[in-house]
Amino acid sequence: MAEFTIYPDGDGYLQSFEYAGTSTSDAFSSARSGVNMSENYTNALMQVKCTMLTFTAPDYYCYLLRSYMIFDTSVLGGEAVASVDLVLTSNNANNAPYNHYVVAFNPTTQTAPVGTDEWGNFGGTSFASFAVSGTPDTVYTASLSQDGIDEVDPNGDTFYGILDSNDFNNTNPNADYYHDMDYYASEETGTTRDPHLVVVTGGGGGTGFLAMF
């Protein structure tokens, strides 16, 4: 067995927002469907959010942000994967605690930035969930399920996404409300707070390999 620490060769976040509608349900469902898209890649933070502001009808404002990470897992050399931990470090959180979910992300491009047309390519199955706190520089380690492990391509690129609980569960806040969470991204100076995978393979012995991108 060998252990690999793999840093992203790309990450970022996508935002969808809806302003105006006949109800908060319209605003939330429209945002969740991926309207009015924007994307961010060259930023030292990855953002995962759900915000609802209720003004006088028809002005309802909702926005959602989903983060993604691209890992070059070809360093595994085709070895079978026994376990995967996704490690994230928080920069800031508001209105915690609440849950975040690790899901599949299957974009049509293998490089970042992925583009706003990839919003619908986040999966709906949870590979892991964890409660976030409001304490900055908290380290979260999400041990992925077998479905999450199966996402790893030991000969190519592997993708994961992070979704807020309201987004993942399709739960409309229906009131002034926000989940506002930032994680450090690969653009953060150094690697001590970068997102990364800790992958254990089921192959032969070894002392492991540190992959940095």
Protein backbone atom coordinates (compact mmCIF):
# COMPACT_ATOMS: atom_id res chain seq x y z
CA MET A 1 0.00 0.00 0.00
CA ALA A 2 1.06 3.58 -0.58
CA GLU A 3 -0.29 6.98 0.42
CA PHE A 4 -0.42 9.93 -1.98
CA THR A 5 -1.13 13.58 -1.21
CA ILE A 6 -2.46 15.26 -4.35
CA TYR A 7 -3.08 18.99 -4.75
CA PRO A 8 -5.45 20.42 -7.40
CA ASP A 9 -4.20 21.48 -10.78
CA GLY A 10 -7.37 23.57 -10.98
CA ASP A 11 -10.25 24.70 -8.79
CA GLY A 12 -12.85 27.45 -8.59
CA TYR A 13 -16.54 28.10 -8.18
CA LEU A 14 -19.66 28.71 -10.24
CA GLN A 15 -22.44 31.12 -9.24
CA SER A 16 -26.08 31.11 -10.29
CA PHE A 17 -28.46 33.86 -9.21
CA GLU A 18 -32.04 34.96 -9.75
CA TYR A 19 -33.37 38.42 -8.98
CA ALA A 20 -37.13 39.01 -9.25
CA GLY A 21 -39.92 36.50 -9.40
CA THR A 22 -43.39 35.88 -8.06
CA SER A 23 -42.17 33.98 -4.99
CA THR A 24 -39.07 32.87 -3.13
CA SER A 25 -39.72 29.42 -4.59
CA ASP A 26 -39.36 30.82 -8.10
CA ALA A 27 -36.15 32.61 -7.19
CA PHE A 28 -34.65 29.52 -5.53
CA SER A 29 -35.68 27.06 -8.23
CA SER A 30 -34.42 29.38 -10.97
CA ALA A 31 -31.07 29.86 -9.26
CA ARG A 32 -30.75 26.12 -8.67
CA SER A 33 -31.48 25.46 -12.36
CA GLY A 34 -28.45 27.57 -13.29
CA VAL A 35 -29.66 30.96 -14.51
CA ASN A 36 -27.52 34.10 -14.80
CA MET A 37 -24.27 32.21 -14.48
CA SER A 38 -20.79 33.44 -13.68
CA GLU A 39 -17.57 31.62 -12.81
CA ASN A 40 -14.40 32.36 -10.89
CA TYR A 41 -11.10 30.55 -11.17
CA THR A 42 -8.14 32.78 -10.35
CA ASN A 43 -9.10 33.43 -6.76
CA ALA A 44 -7.53 32.33 -3.48
CA LEU A 45 -10.93 31.19 -2.20
CA MET A 46 -13.54 28.61 -3.16
CA GLN A 47 -17.05 29.67 -2.21
CA VAL A 48 -20.05 27.50 -1.30
CA LYS A 49 -23.18 29.51 -0.57
CA CYS A 50 -26.95 29.80 -0.46
CA THR A 51 -28.42 33.28 0.05
CA MET A 52 -32.05 34.42 -0.05
CA LEU A 53 -33.17 38.04 0.33
CA THR A 54 -36.90 38.74 0.34
CA PHE A 55 -37.89 42.18 -0.89
CA THR A 56 -41.33 43.40 -1.91
CA ALA A 57 -42.82 41.15 -4.59
CA PRO A 58 -41.80 40.56 -7.31
CA ASP A 59 -38.26 41.23 -6.08
CA TYR A 60 -36.79 38.10 -4.57
CA TYR A 61 -33.05 37.60 -4.72
CA CYS A 62 -31.37 34.20 -4.44
CA TYR A 63 -27.90 33.06 -5.31
CA LEU A 64 -26.07 29.76 -5.04
CA LEU A 65 -22.38 29.00 -5.39
CA ARG A 66 -20.85 25.58 -6.05
CA SER A 67 -17.13 24.86 -5.84
CA TYR A 68 -15.15 22.33 -7.84
CA MET A 69 -11.66 20.83 -7.80
CA ILE A 70 -9.64 19.10 -10.52
CA PHE A 71 -6.94 16.64 -9.45
CA ASP A 72 -4.38 14.95 -11.68
CA THR A 73 -4.54 11.47 -10.17
CA SER A 74 -2.45 9.84 -12.89
CA VAL A 75 0.36 9.81 -10.28
CA LEU A 76 -1.41 6.73 -8.87
CA GLY A 77 -0.08 4.82 -11.85
CA GLY A 78 -3.24 2.79 -12.38
CA GLU A 79 -3.18 1.31 -8.87
CA ALA A 80 -6.47 0.30 -7.23
CA VAL A 81 -7.69 2.89 -4.73
CA ALA A 82 -8.48 1.77 -1.18
CA SER A 83 -9.51 5.08 0.42
CA VAL A 84 -9.83 8.79 -0.34
CA ASP A 85 -9.96 11.74 2.06
CA LEU A 86 -10.74 15.23 0.79
CA VAL A 87 -9.14 17.85 3.05
CA LEU A 88 -10.38 21.46 3.06
CA THR A 89 -9.45 24.47 5.21
CA SER A 90 -12.00 27.18 5.92
CA ASN A 91 -11.39 30.89 5.54
CA ASN A 92 -14.74 32.12 6.81
CA ALA A 93 -18.29 30.95 7.52
CA ASN A 94 -21.49 32.77 8.43
CA ASN A 95 -24.61 31.40 10.14
CA ALA A 96 -22.94 28.05 10.87
CA PRO A 97 -23.41 25.24 11.65
CA TYR A 98 -24.80 23.58 8.56
CA ASN A 99 -23.71 20.78 6.26
CA HIS A 100 -21.69 20.68 3.08
CA TYR A 101 -21.73 17.77 0.66
CA VAL A 102 -19.01 16.26 -1.50
CA VAL A 103 -20.41 15.16 -4.87
CA ALA A 104 -19.24 14.13 -8.31
CA PHE A 105 -18.38 16.78 -10.87
CA ASN A 106 -18.21 15.71 -14.50
CA PRO A 107 -17.39 18.73 -16.68
CA THR A 108 -16.98 18.52 -20.43
CA THR A 109 -13.50 20.03 -20.20
CA GLN A 110 -10.50 18.60 -18.37
CA THR A 111 -8.96 21.99 -17.54
CA ALA A 112 -9.89 25.02 -15.45
CA PRO A 113 -11.73 27.28 -15.70
CA VAL A 114 -14.53 24.94 -16.64
CA GLY A 115 -17.01 27.58 -17.85
CA THR A 116 -20.51 28.53 -16.82
CA ASP A 117 -22.14 25.79 -18.91
CA GLU A 118 -20.94 23.16 -16.41
CA TRP A 119 -23.39 24.07 -13.60
CA GLY A 120 -25.60 21.08 -14.32
CA ASN A 121 -22.71 18.62 -14.21
CA PHE A 122 -22.56 18.39 -10.41
CA GLY A 123 -23.83 15.07 -9.09
CA GLY A 124 -26.76 14.47 -6.77
CA THR A 125 -25.25 11.63 -4.70
CA SER A 126 -23.39 12.46 -1.50
CA PHE A 127 -19.91 10.96 -1.23
CA ALA A 128 -19.48 12.56 2.20
CA SER A 129 -21.08 15.29 4.29
CA PHE A 130 -19.73 17.31 7.18
CA ALA A 131 -20.91 20.12 9.45
CA VAL A 132 -19.07 23.40 8.98
CA SER A 133 -18.41 25.78 11.85
CA GLY A 134 -17.86 29.52 11.94
CA THR A 135 -14.25 29.18 13.10
CA PRO A 136 -11.67 30.36 10.52
CA ASP A 137 -8.81 28.02 9.59
CA THR A 138 -10.77 24.93 10.58
CA VAL A 139 -9.55 21.82 8.76
CA TYR A 140 -12.28 19.49 7.47
CA THR A 141 -11.44 15.93 6.45
CA ALA A 142 -14.16 14.19 4.45
CA SER A 143 -13.65 10.44 4.10
CA LEU A 144 -15.35 9.49 0.85
CA SER A 145 -17.76 6.61 0.37
CA GLN A 146 -17.09 3.80 -2.06
CA ASP A 147 -18.98 5.77 -4.71
CA GLY A 148 -16.60 8.68 -4.11
CA ILE A 149 -13.59 6.37 -4.27
CA ASP A 150 -14.87 4.97 -7.56
CA GLU A 151 -14.74 8.49 -9.05
CA VAL A 152 -10.93 8.43 -8.92
CA ASP A 153 -9.26 7.88 -12.28
CA PRO A 154 -5.85 6.40 -11.40
CA ASN A 155 -4.65 7.11 -14.94
CA GLY A 156 -6.06 10.62 -15.46
CA ASP A 157 -8.02 13.47 -13.87
CA THR A 158 -10.47 13.26 -10.97
CA PHE A 159 -13.14 15.86 -10.18
CA TYR A 160 -15.12 16.65 -7.03
CA GLY A 161 -17.68 19.32 -6.19
CA ILE A 162 -18.88 20.90 -2.93
CA LEU A 163 -22.53 21.90 -2.44
CA ASP A 164 -24.35 23.74 0.34
CA SER A 165 -27.04 21.78 2.20
CA ASN A 166 -29.96 23.79 0.78
CA ASP A 167 -28.62 23.36 -2.73
CA PHE A 168 -27.94 19.64 -2.33
CA ASN A 169 -31.30 18.90 -0.66
CA ASN A 170 -33.30 21.27 -2.90
CA THR A 171 -34.59 23.08 0.21
CA ASN A 172 -35.86 26.61 -0.35
CA PRO A 173 -34.95 28.89 2.59
CA ASN A 174 -38.21 30.90 2.13
CA ALA A 175 -36.86 33.82 4.16
CA ASP A 176 -33.96 36.24 4.49
CA TYR A 177 -31.20 33.76 4.97
CA TYR A 178 -27.67 32.96 4.05
CA HIS A 179 -25.10 30.22 4.27
CA ASP A 180 -21.83 31.88 3.39
CA MET A 181 -18.70 29.72 3.35
CA ASP A 182 -15.21 30.21 1.92
CA TYR A 183 -12.47 27.61 1.63
CA TYR A 184 -8.89 28.30 0.69
CA ALA A 185 -8.15 27.42 -2.93
CA SER A 186 -4.97 26.34 -4.68
CA GLU A 187 -4.09 29.99 -5.39
CA GLU A 188 -3.53 30.54 -1.66
CA THR A 189 0.17 31.18 -0.96
CA GLY A 190 1.95 27.98 0.00
CA THR A 191 0.23 24.61 0.40
CA THR A 192 -0.56 24.39 4.13
CA ARG A 193 -4.19 25.48 3.58
CA ASP A 194 -4.73 24.22 0.03
CA PRO A 195 -7.44 21.65 -0.71
CA HIS A 196 -5.96 18.23 -1.32
CA LEU A 197 -6.68 14.53 -1.57
CA VAL A 198 -5.08 11.88 0.62
CA VAL A 199 -5.32 8.69 -1.42
CA VAL A 200 -4.31 5.24 -0.21
CA THR A 201 -3.84 2.66 -2.92
CA GLY A 202 -4.19 -1.05 -2.53
CA GLY A 203 -1.05 -1.85 -4.53
CA GLY A 204 2.40 -2.90 -3.45
CA GLY A 205 4.43 -1.38 -0.66
CA GLY A 206 6.05 2.02 -0.80
CA THR A 207 6.67 5.15 1.15
CA GLY A 208 4.16 7.27 -0.77
CA PHE A 209 4.47 10.18 -3.14
CA LEU A 210 3.80 13.89 -2.74
CA ALA A 211 2.23 15.39 -5.86
CA MET A 212 2.01 19.18 -6.08
CA PHE A 213 0.47 21.16 -8.94
